[in-house]
Amino acid sequence: MIKKRHPLSSKEQKELLSILKEKFPNIYEKLEKKKMIELIETKDGVKIYLQEGKAIAFLINEEIIPPLREEFLENLPKVIVDMGAIP
């Protein structure tokens, strides 16, 4: 359930974008840096960052996590598993 929902201040937005640039540079490149970012805080402590109504990041247990949006998936690390390695 949503506890609070509000736009980030310009300082908070710069801080978030800086973290995203450092941790997920490919995702950072796809964001609109000038557009407003909104924060949703849930009752269980999860923070959801939105831009134009779409999730751009989650903060869970002090860890920034990118959303599994199609345009971001291609930029995440990939693992290839040999089928012979799976019992």
Protein backbone atom coordinates (compact mmCIF):
# COMPACT_ATOMS: atom_id res chain seq x y z
CA MET A 1 0.00 0.00 0.00
CA ILE A 2 1.13 3.51 -0.76
CA LYS A 3 2.20 5.56 2.22
CA LYS A 4 3.41 8.70 0.39
CA ARG A 5 3.71 9.91 -3.18
CA HIS A 6 5.53 13.07 -4.17
CA PRO A 7 7.92 14.53 -6.75
CA LEU A 8 11.62 14.55 -5.91
CA SER A 9 13.34 17.85 -5.31
CA SER A 10 15.95 18.79 -7.90
CA LYS A 11 18.69 17.87 -5.40
CA GLU A 12 17.16 14.44 -4.72
CA GLN A 13 16.69 13.88 -8.44
CA LYS A 14 20.35 14.69 -9.14
CA GLU A 15 21.43 12.29 -6.39
CA LEU A 16 19.27 9.48 -7.77
CA LEU A 17 20.47 10.07 -11.33
CA SER A 18 24.07 10.07 -10.10
CA ILE A 19 23.56 6.68 -8.42
CA LEU A 20 21.88 5.27 -11.53
CA LYS A 21 24.68 6.61 -13.73
CA GLU A 22 27.26 4.87 -11.55
CA LYS A 23 25.48 1.53 -11.06
CA PHE A 24 23.47 1.20 -14.28
CA PRO A 25 25.00 3.47 -16.96
CA ASN A 26 23.07 1.87 -19.81
CA ILE A 27 19.77 2.48 -18.04
CA TYR A 28 20.82 6.02 -17.12
CA GLU A 29 21.38 6.80 -20.81
CA LYS A 30 17.76 5.92 -21.62
CA LEU A 31 16.26 8.27 -19.01
CA GLU A 32 15.01 11.79 -19.60
CA LYS A 33 17.27 13.74 -17.25
CA LYS A 34 15.18 16.93 -17.29
CA LYS A 35 11.80 15.30 -16.65
CA MET A 36 10.36 15.07 -13.16
CA ILE A 37 10.93 11.93 -11.11
CA GLU A 38 8.29 10.93 -8.61
CA LEU A 39 8.77 8.87 -5.45
CA ILE A 40 6.27 6.39 -4.06
CA GLU A 41 6.96 5.14 -0.55
CA THR A 42 5.13 1.99 0.51
CA LYS A 43 4.15 0.98 4.01
CA ASP A 44 6.69 -1.85 3.97
CA GLY A 45 9.57 0.54 3.25
CA VAL A 46 9.99 -0.01 -0.49
CA LYS A 47 10.61 3.12 -2.54
CA ILE A 48 9.56 3.23 -6.19
CA TYR A 49 10.92 5.93 -8.47
CA LEU A 50 8.73 6.85 -11.44
CA GLN A 51 9.27 8.94 -14.53
CA GLU A 52 6.21 9.64 -16.67
CA GLY A 53 4.31 7.02 -14.66
CA LYS A 54 6.81 4.23 -15.37
CA ALA A 55 9.12 2.70 -12.78
CA ILE A 56 12.77 3.58 -13.31
CA ALA A 57 14.18 2.14 -10.06
CA PHE A 58 13.29 0.51 -6.77
CA LEU A 59 15.00 1.01 -3.43
CA ILE A 60 14.65 -2.13 -1.33
CA ASN A 61 16.74 -2.63 1.81
CA GLU A 62 19.02 0.27 0.78
CA GLU A 63 19.75 -1.43 -2.58
CA ILE A 64 18.85 0.24 -5.89
CA ILE A 65 17.27 -2.26 -8.26
CA PRO A 66 16.35 -1.55 -11.89
CA PRO A 67 12.88 -2.52 -13.11
CA LEU A 68 12.43 -5.34 -15.59
CA ARG A 69 11.17 -3.11 -18.37
CA GLU A 70 11.79 -4.29 -21.91
CA GLU A 71 13.95 -1.30 -22.85
CA PHE A 72 16.16 -1.93 -19.80
CA LEU A 73 16.45 -5.73 -20.06
CA GLU A 74 18.86 -5.63 -22.97
CA ASN A 75 21.31 -3.68 -20.82
CA LEU A 76 21.38 -6.02 -17.82
CA PRO A 77 24.16 -8.59 -17.42
CA LYS A 78 23.41 -11.93 -19.03
CA VAL A 79 24.27 -15.46 -18.00
CA ILE A 80 24.37 -18.41 -20.38
CA VAL A 81 23.86 -21.81 -18.80
CA ASP A 82 24.82 -25.01 -20.56
CA MET A 83 21.82 -27.37 -20.46
CA GLY A 84 24.17 -30.19 -19.45
CA ALA A 85 24.92 -28.30 -16.24
CA ILE A 86 21.30 -28.48 -15.11
CA PRO A 87 20.33 -31.77 -13.41
